[in-house]
């Protein structure tokens, strides 16, 4: 549900300035369909905690627009790339949406840019389609499956542990940037802040 209008929501009102009527409609639809954690506070920005198998207690902050700040969680989960730089894998795009092949393209990009002993395609069952998730080896040597997260700016795609990203796996309910990418000229790309790695 789109936040109520009042002095406390000045940043949300400012967000609407300069949007086309189609973009405003898309934004309204985004908020009408936005999944959020059950039991969350009604404040525009909130934190939500849960115990996640293999990660313990995890707290994710949702920003004033209702999006999870997975980028905050990922700050300490960097990986050495083939150039020897310790970075968060961040697919350079351009993004076209989940149905536009982003997940497979990002996985292929990661396999080309990170050492095979640190990043791999999540193994598929025999006879099954290739997975679009990646496994990243953690400090203990364990492979952790990651789901590609479309950031709400509509420009960034980065991996988040699947158990944290996917509500169906016990993770945090959210709308991601894939919903921002819908439409051509009247999409919502760039109206929300960039990640803060």
N, C-alpha and C. Protein backbone atom coordinates (compact mmCIF):
# COMPACT_ATOMS: atom_id res chain seq x y z
N UNK A 1 0.84 -1.18 0.00
CA UNK A 1 0.00 0.00 0.00
C UNK A 1 0.88 1.23 0.00
N UNK A 2 0.58 2.22 -0.84
CA UNK A 2 1.38 3.43 -0.93
C UNK A 2 1.25 4.21 0.37
N UNK A 3 2.38 4.74 0.89
CA UNK A 3 2.33 5.47 2.15
C UNK A 3 1.37 6.65 2.10
N UNK A 4 0.75 6.96 3.25
CA UNK A 4 -0.15 8.10 3.34
C UNK A 4 0.64 9.39 3.14
N UNK A 5 -0.05 10.43 2.73
CA UNK A 5 0.59 11.72 2.49
C UNK A 5 0.51 12.54 3.76
N UNK A 6 1.60 13.16 4.15
CA UNK A 6 1.68 14.02 5.32
C UNK A 6 3.08 14.59 5.39
N UNK A 7 3.34 15.45 6.33
CA UNK A 7 4.67 16.08 6.39
C UNK A 7 5.75 15.02 6.59
N UNK A 8 5.45 13.96 7.27
CA UNK A 8 6.40 12.89 7.53
C UNK A 8 6.78 12.17 6.23
N UNK A 9 6.01 12.32 5.16
CA UNK A 9 6.23 11.62 3.91
C UNK A 9 6.70 12.58 2.81
N UNK A 10 7.40 13.65 3.18
CA UNK A 10 7.83 14.64 2.19
C UNK A 10 8.70 14.00 1.11
N UNK A 11 9.58 13.05 1.48
CA UNK A 11 10.44 12.43 0.47
C UNK A 11 9.63 11.60 -0.52
N UNK A 12 8.56 10.95 -0.03
CA UNK A 12 7.72 10.19 -0.95
C UNK A 12 6.98 11.12 -1.92
N UNK A 13 6.50 12.26 -1.40
CA UNK A 13 5.82 13.23 -2.27
C UNK A 13 6.80 13.79 -3.30
N UNK A 14 8.02 14.07 -2.88
CA UNK A 14 9.03 14.60 -3.80
C UNK A 14 9.34 13.59 -4.90
N UNK A 15 9.24 12.33 -4.57
CA UNK A 15 9.47 11.27 -5.55
C UNK A 15 8.50 11.37 -6.73
N UNK A 16 7.30 11.82 -6.47
CA UNK A 16 6.27 11.90 -7.51
C UNK A 16 6.50 13.05 -8.49
N UNK A 17 7.22 14.08 -8.07
CA UNK A 17 7.47 15.22 -8.96
C UNK A 17 8.21 14.77 -10.20
N UNK A 18 7.72 15.15 -11.34
CA UNK A 18 8.40 14.84 -12.59
C UNK A 18 8.05 13.49 -13.20
N UNK A 19 7.25 12.68 -12.52
CA UNK A 19 6.84 11.40 -13.10
C UNK A 19 5.68 11.61 -14.06
N UNK A 20 5.65 10.81 -15.11
CA UNK A 20 4.52 10.85 -16.03
C UNK A 20 3.32 10.21 -15.36
N UNK A 21 2.15 10.40 -15.92
CA UNK A 21 0.95 9.79 -15.34
C UNK A 21 1.05 8.26 -15.39
N UNK A 22 1.66 7.72 -16.45
CA UNK A 22 1.84 6.27 -16.54
C UNK A 22 2.79 5.79 -15.44
N UNK A 23 3.87 6.53 -15.19
CA UNK A 23 4.80 6.15 -14.12
C UNK A 23 4.11 6.21 -12.76
N UNK A 24 3.29 7.21 -12.54
CA UNK A 24 2.56 7.31 -11.27
C UNK A 24 1.62 6.12 -11.10
N UNK A 25 0.99 5.70 -12.18
CA UNK A 25 0.12 4.53 -12.12
C UNK A 25 0.94 3.28 -11.81
N UNK A 26 2.10 3.14 -12.47
CA UNK A 26 2.97 1.98 -12.20
C UNK A 26 3.43 1.98 -10.74
N UNK A 27 3.76 3.16 -10.23
CA UNK A 27 4.20 3.27 -8.84
C UNK A 27 3.07 2.87 -7.89
N UNK A 28 1.86 3.31 -8.17
CA UNK A 28 0.71 2.95 -7.35
C UNK A 28 0.50 1.44 -7.37
N UNK A 29 0.58 0.83 -8.57
CA UNK A 29 0.43 -0.62 -8.69
C UNK A 29 1.54 -1.35 -7.93
N UNK A 30 2.75 -0.81 -7.99
CA UNK A 30 3.87 -1.41 -7.27
C UNK A 30 3.55 -1.49 -5.78
N UNK A 31 3.07 -0.38 -5.21
CA UNK A 31 2.77 -0.36 -3.78
C UNK A 31 1.53 -1.18 -3.43
N UNK A 32 0.58 -1.28 -4.33
CA UNK A 32 -0.60 -2.09 -4.05
C UNK A 32 -0.24 -3.57 -3.99
N UNK A 33 0.80 -3.97 -4.70
CA UNK A 33 1.17 -5.38 -4.78
C UNK A 33 2.45 -5.71 -4.01
N UNK A 34 2.99 -4.75 -3.28
CA UNK A 34 4.28 -4.95 -2.61
C UNK A 34 4.15 -5.89 -1.42
N UNK A 35 4.85 -7.05 -1.47
CA UNK A 35 4.85 -7.94 -0.31
C UNK A 35 5.82 -7.44 0.74
N UNK A 36 5.39 -7.42 1.97
CA UNK A 36 6.23 -7.01 3.10
C UNK A 36 6.10 -8.06 4.19
N UNK A 37 7.07 -8.13 5.10
CA UNK A 37 6.99 -9.13 6.16
C UNK A 37 5.75 -8.94 7.04
N UNK A 38 5.15 -10.05 7.44
CA UNK A 38 4.03 -9.99 8.38
C UNK A 38 4.55 -9.49 9.72
N UNK A 39 3.75 -8.69 10.40
CA UNK A 39 4.12 -8.20 11.72
C UNK A 39 5.07 -7.03 11.69
N UNK A 40 5.28 -6.44 10.52
CA UNK A 40 6.19 -5.30 10.44
C UNK A 40 5.56 -4.07 11.08
N UNK A 41 6.39 -3.11 11.54
CA UNK A 41 5.84 -1.86 12.06
C UNK A 41 5.22 -1.04 10.92
N UNK A 42 4.39 -0.09 11.26
CA UNK A 42 3.75 0.72 10.23
C UNK A 42 4.60 1.92 9.82
N UNK A 43 5.70 2.15 10.48
CA UNK A 43 6.57 3.28 10.12
C UNK A 43 7.11 3.10 8.71
N UNK A 44 7.41 4.21 8.01
CA UNK A 44 7.86 4.09 6.63
C UNK A 44 9.21 3.38 6.50
N UNK A 45 10.07 3.47 7.50
CA UNK A 45 11.34 2.75 7.49
C UNK A 45 11.33 1.84 8.71
N UNK A 46 11.74 0.58 8.55
CA UNK A 46 11.70 -0.33 9.68
C UNK A 46 12.75 -1.42 9.50
N UNK A 47 13.07 -2.10 10.58
CA UNK A 47 13.95 -3.26 10.52
C UNK A 47 13.10 -4.48 10.87
N UNK A 48 13.52 -5.60 10.30
CA UNK A 48 12.81 -6.84 10.55
C UNK A 48 13.86 -7.91 10.77
N UNK A 49 13.68 -8.72 11.78
CA UNK A 49 14.65 -9.76 12.12
C UNK A 49 14.00 -11.13 12.09
N UNK A 50 14.79 -12.11 11.73
CA UNK A 50 14.35 -13.49 11.80
C UNK A 50 15.57 -14.38 11.88
N UNK A 51 15.36 -15.59 12.31
CA UNK A 51 16.44 -16.56 12.37
C UNK A 51 16.42 -17.35 11.06
N UNK A 52 17.57 -17.36 10.39
CA UNK A 52 17.69 -18.03 9.09
C UNK A 52 18.69 -19.17 9.25
N UNK A 53 18.27 -20.36 8.84
CA UNK A 53 19.11 -21.54 8.92
C UNK A 53 20.46 -21.28 8.23
N UNK A 54 21.55 -21.49 8.95
CA UNK A 54 22.89 -21.30 8.41
C UNK A 54 23.43 -19.89 8.59
N UNK A 55 22.56 -18.95 8.98
CA UNK A 55 22.99 -17.56 9.15
C UNK A 55 22.71 -17.02 10.54
N UNK A 56 21.88 -17.72 11.31
CA UNK A 56 21.52 -17.23 12.63
C UNK A 56 20.52 -16.10 12.54
N UNK A 57 20.61 -15.16 13.49
CA UNK A 57 19.69 -14.02 13.51
C UNK A 57 20.14 -13.01 12.45
N UNK A 58 19.23 -12.68 11.55
CA UNK A 58 19.51 -11.73 10.48
C UNK A 58 18.50 -10.60 10.59
N UNK A 59 19.00 -9.38 10.52
CA UNK A 59 18.15 -8.20 10.53
C UNK A 59 18.33 -7.46 9.22
N UNK A 60 17.23 -7.16 8.57
CA UNK A 60 17.25 -6.38 7.33
C UNK A 60 16.45 -5.11 7.57
N UNK A 61 17.01 -3.99 7.15
CA UNK A 61 16.31 -2.72 7.22
C UNK A 61 15.56 -2.51 5.91
N UNK A 62 14.32 -2.10 6.01
CA UNK A 62 13.53 -1.71 4.84
C UNK A 62 13.55 -0.18 4.80
N UNK A 63 13.83 0.38 3.63
CA UNK A 63 13.95 1.83 3.52
C UNK A 63 12.58 2.51 3.58
N UNK A 64 12.59 3.83 3.53
CA UNK A 64 11.35 4.59 3.66
C UNK A 64 10.35 4.32 2.54
N UNK A 65 10.80 3.66 1.46
CA UNK A 65 9.90 3.33 0.36
C UNK A 65 9.43 1.88 0.43
N UNK A 66 9.86 1.13 1.46
CA UNK A 66 9.40 -0.24 1.65
C UNK A 66 10.27 -1.31 1.02
N UNK A 67 11.47 -0.93 0.52
CA UNK A 67 12.36 -1.90 -0.11
C UNK A 67 13.41 -2.39 0.89
N UNK A 68 13.78 -3.68 0.84
CA UNK A 68 14.82 -4.19 1.74
C UNK A 68 16.19 -3.67 1.32
N UNK A 69 17.00 -3.38 2.31
CA UNK A 69 18.37 -2.91 2.02
C UNK A 69 19.33 -4.10 2.09
N UNK A 70 19.18 -5.01 1.12
CA UNK A 70 20.08 -6.16 1.05
C UNK A 70 21.51 -5.70 0.81
N UNK A 71 21.70 -4.52 0.22
CA UNK A 71 23.04 -4.01 -0.02
C UNK A 71 23.78 -3.82 1.30
N UNK A 72 23.07 -3.41 2.37
CA UNK A 72 23.71 -3.29 3.68
C UNK A 72 24.21 -4.66 4.16
N UNK A 73 23.39 -5.69 3.97
CA UNK A 73 23.77 -7.04 4.39
C UNK A 73 24.98 -7.53 3.59
N UNK A 74 25.05 -7.18 2.31
CA UNK A 74 26.09 -7.70 1.43
C UNK A 74 27.43 -6.99 1.57
N UNK A 75 27.49 -5.86 2.25
CA UNK A 75 28.74 -5.09 2.37
C UNK A 75 29.91 -5.94 2.85
N UNK A 76 29.65 -6.87 3.73
CA UNK A 76 30.71 -7.70 4.30
C UNK A 76 30.83 -9.07 3.63
N UNK A 77 30.28 -9.21 2.45
CA UNK A 77 30.30 -10.51 1.77
C UNK A 77 30.98 -10.38 0.40
N UNK A 78 32.15 -9.77 0.39
CA UNK A 78 32.87 -9.54 -0.86
C UNK A 78 33.62 -10.80 -1.30
N UNK A 79 33.93 -10.85 -2.60
CA UNK A 79 34.61 -11.99 -3.21
C UNK A 79 35.72 -11.43 -4.10
N UNK A 80 36.86 -12.13 -4.15
CA UNK A 80 37.93 -11.71 -5.05
C UNK A 80 37.57 -12.08 -6.48
N UNK A 81 37.65 -11.10 -7.39
CA UNK A 81 37.38 -11.37 -8.80
C UNK A 81 38.67 -11.81 -9.50
N UNK A 82 38.59 -12.06 -10.80
CA UNK A 82 39.76 -12.53 -11.55
C UNK A 82 40.88 -11.50 -11.61
N UNK A 83 40.56 -10.22 -11.37
CA UNK A 83 41.57 -9.16 -11.37
C UNK A 83 42.21 -9.00 -9.99
N UNK A 84 41.79 -9.84 -9.02
CA UNK A 84 42.36 -9.77 -7.68
C UNK A 84 41.74 -8.71 -6.80
N UNK A 85 40.63 -8.12 -7.23
CA UNK A 85 39.95 -7.11 -6.44
C UNK A 85 38.86 -7.76 -5.60
N UNK A 86 38.75 -7.33 -4.35
CA UNK A 86 37.70 -7.86 -3.48
C UNK A 86 36.45 -6.99 -3.67
N UNK A 87 35.42 -7.56 -4.26
CA UNK A 87 34.22 -6.80 -4.63
C UNK A 87 32.95 -7.60 -4.34
N UNK A 88 31.84 -6.91 -4.37
CA UNK A 88 30.54 -7.57 -4.36
C UNK A 88 30.21 -7.82 -5.82
N UNK A 89 29.93 -9.06 -6.21
CA UNK A 89 29.57 -9.30 -7.61
C UNK A 89 28.36 -8.44 -7.98
N UNK A 90 28.53 -7.60 -8.95
CA UNK A 90 27.49 -6.65 -9.35
C UNK A 90 27.42 -6.64 -10.87
N UNK A 91 26.43 -7.33 -11.41
CA UNK A 91 26.28 -7.46 -12.85
C UNK A 91 26.11 -6.08 -13.49
N UNK A 92 26.94 -5.76 -14.51
CA UNK A 92 26.92 -4.42 -15.09
C UNK A 92 25.74 -4.14 -16.03
N UNK A 93 24.94 -5.16 -16.35
CA UNK A 93 23.76 -4.93 -17.18
C UNK A 93 24.08 -4.71 -18.64
N UNK A 94 23.18 -4.10 -19.38
CA UNK A 94 21.95 -3.47 -18.92
C UNK A 94 20.90 -4.51 -18.53
N UNK A 95 19.99 -4.09 -17.66
CA UNK A 95 18.96 -4.99 -17.16
C UNK A 95 17.71 -4.92 -18.01
N UNK A 96 17.08 -6.09 -18.17
CA UNK A 96 15.85 -6.20 -18.96
C UNK A 96 14.74 -6.87 -18.17
N UNK A 97 15.03 -7.31 -16.96
CA UNK A 97 14.04 -8.00 -16.14
C UNK A 97 14.29 -9.50 -16.13
N UNK A 98 13.68 -10.16 -15.16
CA UNK A 98 13.84 -11.61 -15.02
C UNK A 98 13.47 -12.32 -16.30
N UNK A 99 12.35 -11.95 -16.91
CA UNK A 99 11.93 -12.60 -18.15
C UNK A 99 12.78 -12.18 -19.34
N UNK A 100 13.58 -11.14 -19.19
CA UNK A 100 14.47 -10.67 -20.26
C UNK A 100 15.82 -11.35 -20.25
N UNK A 101 16.01 -12.31 -19.34
CA UNK A 101 17.25 -13.07 -19.31
C UNK A 101 18.30 -12.55 -18.34
N UNK A 102 17.95 -11.59 -17.48
CA UNK A 102 18.94 -11.02 -16.56
C UNK A 102 19.64 -12.05 -15.70
N UNK A 103 18.90 -13.00 -15.16
CA UNK A 103 19.49 -13.95 -14.20
C UNK A 103 20.52 -14.84 -14.88
N UNK A 104 20.19 -15.37 -16.04
CA UNK A 104 21.15 -16.19 -16.78
C UNK A 104 22.34 -15.38 -17.24
N UNK A 105 22.10 -14.15 -17.72
CA UNK A 105 23.20 -13.29 -18.16
C UNK A 105 24.12 -12.94 -17.00
N UNK A 106 23.54 -12.66 -15.84
CA UNK A 106 24.34 -12.32 -14.67
C UNK A 106 25.17 -13.53 -14.22
N UNK A 107 24.57 -14.70 -14.25
CA UNK A 107 25.30 -15.91 -13.87
C UNK A 107 26.46 -16.15 -14.82
N UNK A 108 26.22 -16.04 -16.12
CA UNK A 108 27.30 -16.20 -17.10
C UNK A 108 28.40 -15.17 -16.88
N UNK A 109 28.03 -13.93 -16.61
CA UNK A 109 29.01 -12.87 -16.33
C UNK A 109 29.85 -13.22 -15.10
N UNK A 110 29.20 -13.69 -14.02
CA UNK A 110 29.92 -14.04 -12.79
C UNK A 110 30.92 -15.16 -13.04
N UNK A 111 30.52 -16.16 -13.84
CA UNK A 111 31.41 -17.29 -14.12
C UNK A 111 32.64 -16.84 -14.92
N UNK A 112 32.50 -15.80 -15.71
CA UNK A 112 33.62 -15.28 -16.50
C UNK A 112 34.52 -14.35 -15.69
N UNK A 113 34.00 -13.75 -14.62
CA UNK A 113 34.72 -12.70 -13.90
C UNK A 113 35.20 -13.07 -12.51
N UNK A 114 34.88 -14.28 -12.05
CA UNK A 114 35.29 -14.71 -10.72
C UNK A 114 35.88 -16.11 -10.81
N UNK A 115 36.89 -16.40 -9.98
CA UNK A 115 37.54 -17.72 -10.03
C UNK A 115 36.56 -18.85 -9.74
N UNK A 116 36.75 -19.96 -10.45
CA UNK A 116 35.87 -21.13 -10.32
C UNK A 116 35.93 -21.74 -8.92
N UNK A 117 36.99 -21.49 -8.17
CA UNK A 117 37.05 -22.03 -6.81
C UNK A 117 36.35 -21.12 -5.79
N UNK A 118 35.79 -20.00 -6.28
CA UNK A 118 35.05 -19.07 -5.41
C UNK A 118 33.59 -18.89 -5.82
N UNK A 119 33.31 -18.99 -7.14
CA UNK A 119 31.97 -18.78 -7.66
C UNK A 119 31.67 -19.86 -8.70
N UNK A 120 30.50 -20.46 -8.59
CA UNK A 120 30.08 -21.47 -9.57
C UNK A 120 28.58 -21.35 -9.80
N UNK A 121 28.12 -21.91 -10.92
CA UNK A 121 26.68 -22.02 -11.15
C UNK A 121 26.15 -23.08 -10.17
N UNK A 122 25.03 -22.81 -9.56
CA UNK A 122 24.43 -23.80 -8.66
C UNK A 122 24.15 -25.07 -9.46
N UNK A 123 24.65 -26.21 -9.00
CA UNK A 123 24.44 -27.45 -9.75
C UNK A 123 22.96 -27.78 -9.92
N UNK A 124 22.63 -28.29 -11.10
CA UNK A 124 21.26 -28.71 -11.40
C UNK A 124 21.16 -30.22 -11.30
N UNK A 125 19.96 -30.69 -11.06
CA UNK A 125 19.72 -32.14 -11.09
C UNK A 125 19.88 -32.62 -12.53
N UNK A 126 20.34 -33.87 -12.72
CA UNK A 126 20.49 -34.40 -14.09
C UNK A 126 19.20 -34.25 -14.90
N UNK A 127 19.35 -33.78 -16.12
CA UNK A 127 18.21 -33.62 -17.01
C UNK A 127 17.39 -32.36 -16.78
N UNK A 128 17.77 -31.59 -15.79
CA UNK A 128 17.04 -30.35 -15.48
C UNK A 128 17.73 -29.17 -16.13
N UNK A 129 16.98 -28.10 -16.31
CA UNK A 129 17.49 -26.87 -16.89
C UNK A 129 18.61 -26.28 -16.03
N UNK A 130 19.56 -25.60 -16.68
CA UNK A 130 20.64 -24.96 -15.93
C UNK A 130 20.07 -23.93 -14.97
N UNK A 131 20.61 -23.90 -13.77
CA UNK A 131 20.15 -22.94 -12.77
C UNK A 131 20.71 -21.56 -13.07
N UNK A 132 19.97 -20.53 -12.65
CA UNK A 132 20.42 -19.16 -12.83
C UNK A 132 20.91 -18.56 -11.51
N UNK A 133 20.99 -19.39 -10.48
CA UNK A 133 21.56 -18.96 -9.22
C UNK A 133 23.05 -19.29 -9.23
N UNK A 134 23.79 -18.62 -8.34
CA UNK A 134 25.21 -18.93 -8.22
C UNK A 134 25.51 -19.34 -6.79
N UNK A 135 26.56 -20.14 -6.65
CA UNK A 135 27.07 -20.49 -5.33
C UNK A 135 28.36 -19.71 -5.12
N UNK A 136 28.49 -19.13 -3.94
CA UNK A 136 29.71 -18.41 -3.58
C UNK A 136 30.28 -19.11 -2.35
N UNK A 137 31.57 -19.40 -2.40
CA UNK A 137 32.22 -20.09 -1.28
C UNK A 137 32.47 -19.09 -0.16
N UNK A 138 32.02 -19.42 1.05
CA UNK A 138 32.24 -18.53 2.19
C UNK A 138 33.60 -18.80 2.83
N UNK A 139 33.91 -18.07 3.88
CA UNK A 139 35.23 -18.18 4.55
C UNK A 139 35.51 -19.57 5.07
N UNK A 140 34.46 -20.32 5.42
CA UNK A 140 34.65 -21.67 5.97
C UNK A 140 34.80 -22.72 4.87
N UNK A 141 34.68 -22.30 3.60
CA UNK A 141 34.81 -23.23 2.48
C UNK A 141 33.49 -23.84 2.04
N UNK A 142 32.39 -23.40 2.65
CA UNK A 142 31.07 -23.92 2.29
C UNK A 142 30.48 -23.12 1.12
N UNK A 143 29.86 -23.85 0.17
CA UNK A 143 29.19 -23.19 -0.95
C UNK A 143 27.82 -22.71 -0.49
N UNK A 144 27.54 -21.43 -0.68
CA UNK A 144 26.26 -20.83 -0.29
C UNK A 144 25.54 -20.39 -1.57
N UNK A 145 24.32 -20.88 -1.78
CA UNK A 145 23.54 -20.52 -2.96
C UNK A 145 23.01 -19.10 -2.82
N UNK A 146 23.19 -18.34 -3.90
CA UNK A 146 22.76 -16.94 -3.95
C UNK A 146 21.76 -16.73 -5.08
N UNK A 147 20.77 -15.90 -4.83
CA UNK A 147 19.80 -15.48 -5.83
C UNK A 147 20.15 -14.07 -6.28
N UNK A 148 20.04 -13.82 -7.57
CA UNK A 148 20.30 -12.48 -8.09
C UNK A 148 19.16 -11.56 -7.68
N UNK A 149 19.50 -10.45 -7.04
CA UNK A 149 18.51 -9.47 -6.56
C UNK A 149 18.52 -8.24 -7.46
N UNK A 150 17.38 -7.96 -8.09
CA UNK A 150 17.21 -6.72 -8.83
C UNK A 150 16.99 -5.60 -7.80
N UNK A 151 17.96 -4.69 -7.71
CA UNK A 151 17.81 -3.57 -6.78
C UNK A 151 16.70 -2.65 -7.28
N UNK A 152 16.08 -1.95 -6.35
CA UNK A 152 14.94 -1.10 -6.70
C UNK A 152 15.30 0.10 -7.58
N UNK A 153 16.58 0.39 -7.78
CA UNK A 153 16.92 1.48 -8.70
C UNK A 153 16.73 1.04 -10.16
N UNK A 154 16.55 -0.28 -10.37
CA UNK A 154 16.31 -0.79 -11.71
C UNK A 154 17.57 -0.89 -12.56
N UNK A 155 18.74 -0.63 -11.94
CA UNK A 155 20.00 -0.62 -12.68
C UNK A 155 21.02 -1.62 -12.14
N UNK A 156 20.82 -2.10 -10.93
CA UNK A 156 21.82 -2.96 -10.30
C UNK A 156 21.24 -4.34 -10.02
N UNK A 157 22.11 -5.34 -10.19
CA UNK A 157 21.76 -6.73 -9.94
C UNK A 157 22.93 -7.34 -9.19
N UNK A 158 22.67 -7.86 -8.00
CA UNK A 158 23.75 -8.46 -7.20
C UNK A 158 23.20 -9.67 -6.44
N UNK A 159 24.10 -10.62 -6.10
CA UNK A 159 23.64 -11.84 -5.43
C UNK A 159 23.43 -11.64 -3.93
N UNK A 160 22.37 -12.27 -3.44
CA UNK A 160 22.05 -12.29 -2.01
C UNK A 160 21.82 -13.76 -1.67
N UNK A 161 22.32 -14.23 -0.52
CA UNK A 161 22.04 -15.62 -0.17
C UNK A 161 20.55 -15.94 -0.32
N UNK A 162 20.25 -17.03 -1.02
CA UNK A 162 18.86 -17.38 -1.33
C UNK A 162 18.01 -17.53 -0.08
N UNK A 163 18.58 -18.06 1.00
CA UNK A 163 17.80 -18.25 2.22
C UNK A 163 17.39 -16.91 2.84
N UNK A 164 18.09 -15.84 2.48
CA UNK A 164 17.76 -14.51 2.98
C UNK A 164 16.89 -13.77 1.96
N UNK A 165 17.20 -13.93 0.70
CA UNK A 165 16.48 -13.22 -0.36
C UNK A 165 15.07 -13.76 -0.60
N UNK A 166 14.92 -15.06 -0.64
CA UNK A 166 13.66 -15.68 -1.08
C UNK A 166 12.71 -15.94 0.08
N UNK A 167 11.58 -15.26 0.07
CA UNK A 167 10.58 -15.48 1.13
C UNK A 167 10.15 -16.94 1.16
N UNK A 168 10.12 -17.60 0.00
CA UNK A 168 9.70 -19.02 -0.06
C UNK A 168 10.71 -19.94 0.62
N UNK A 169 11.94 -19.47 0.81
CA UNK A 169 12.97 -20.24 1.50
C UNK A 169 13.13 -19.79 2.95
N UNK A 170 12.20 -18.97 3.44
CA UNK A 170 12.28 -18.46 4.81
C UNK A 170 12.90 -17.08 4.89
N UNK A 171 13.21 -16.47 3.75
CA UNK A 171 13.84 -15.16 3.71
C UNK A 171 12.85 -14.02 3.87
N UNK A 172 13.25 -12.85 3.39
CA UNK A 172 12.50 -11.62 3.61
C UNK A 172 11.61 -11.27 2.43
N UNK A 173 10.30 -11.13 2.69
CA UNK A 173 9.34 -10.75 1.64
C UNK A 173 9.68 -9.36 1.14
N UNK A 174 9.58 -9.17 -0.17
CA UNK A 174 9.89 -7.86 -0.74
C UNK A 174 9.48 -7.79 -2.21
N UNK A 175 9.42 -6.57 -2.70
CA UNK A 175 9.37 -6.32 -4.14
C UNK A 175 10.77 -5.87 -4.51
N UNK A 176 11.28 -6.37 -5.58
CA UNK A 176 12.60 -5.97 -6.02
C UNK A 176 12.54 -5.11 -7.26
N UNK A 177 13.70 -4.85 -7.81
CA UNK A 177 13.80 -3.99 -8.98
C UNK A 177 13.21 -4.58 -10.23
N UNK A 178 12.96 -5.89 -10.26
CA UNK A 178 12.35 -6.47 -11.46
C UNK A 178 11.01 -5.80 -11.74
N UNK A 179 10.28 -5.46 -10.68
CA UNK A 179 8.99 -4.79 -10.86
C UNK A 179 9.18 -3.36 -11.36
N UNK A 180 10.34 -2.78 -11.16
CA UNK A 180 10.65 -1.42 -11.61
C UNK A 180 10.90 -1.39 -13.12
N UNK A 181 11.42 -2.50 -13.66
CA UNK A 181 11.85 -2.55 -15.05
C UNK A 181 10.70 -2.68 -16.05
N UNK A 182 9.51 -2.98 -15.58
CA UNK A 182 8.40 -3.22 -16.50
C UNK A 182 8.02 -1.95 -17.25
N UNK A 183 7.77 -2.10 -18.52
CA UNK A 183 7.42 -0.95 -19.36
C UNK A 183 8.65 -0.47 -20.12
N UNK A 184 8.44 0.32 -21.12
CA UNK A 184 9.55 0.81 -21.92
C UNK A 184 9.94 2.22 -21.46
N UNK A 185 9.35 3.21 -22.07
CA UNK A 185 9.71 4.59 -21.74
C UNK A 185 9.17 5.02 -20.38
N UNK A 186 8.10 4.41 -19.92
CA UNK A 186 7.49 4.83 -18.66
C UNK A 186 7.80 3.87 -17.51
N UNK A 187 8.99 3.25 -17.54
CA UNK A 187 9.35 2.39 -16.42
C UNK A 187 9.78 3.27 -15.24
N UNK A 188 10.17 2.65 -14.16
CA UNK A 188 10.53 3.38 -12.95
C UNK A 188 12.03 3.35 -12.67
N UNK A 189 12.83 3.07 -13.69
CA UNK A 189 14.28 2.98 -13.51
C UNK A 189 14.84 4.32 -13.03
N UNK A 190 15.64 4.25 -11.97
CA UNK A 190 16.37 5.42 -11.49
C UNK A 190 15.62 6.34 -10.54
N UNK A 191 14.36 6.02 -10.20
CA UNK A 191 13.67 6.94 -9.29
C UNK A 191 13.96 6.64 -7.82
N UNK A 192 14.49 5.44 -7.53
CA UNK A 192 14.88 5.10 -6.17
C UNK A 192 16.40 5.13 -6.04
N UNK A 193 16.89 5.33 -4.84
CA UNK A 193 18.33 5.46 -4.59
C UNK A 193 19.11 4.22 -5.03
N UNK A 194 20.40 4.45 -5.37
CA UNK A 194 21.32 3.38 -5.72
C UNK A 194 21.75 2.62 -4.46
N UNK A 195 22.25 1.39 -4.62
CA UNK A 195 22.74 0.65 -3.44
C UNK A 195 23.94 1.36 -2.82
N UNK A 196 24.17 1.10 -1.54
CA UNK A 196 25.26 1.75 -0.82
C UNK A 196 26.30 0.72 -0.39
N UNK A 197 27.03 0.19 -1.35
CA UNK A 197 28.09 -0.78 -1.02
C UNK A 197 29.29 -0.04 -0.49
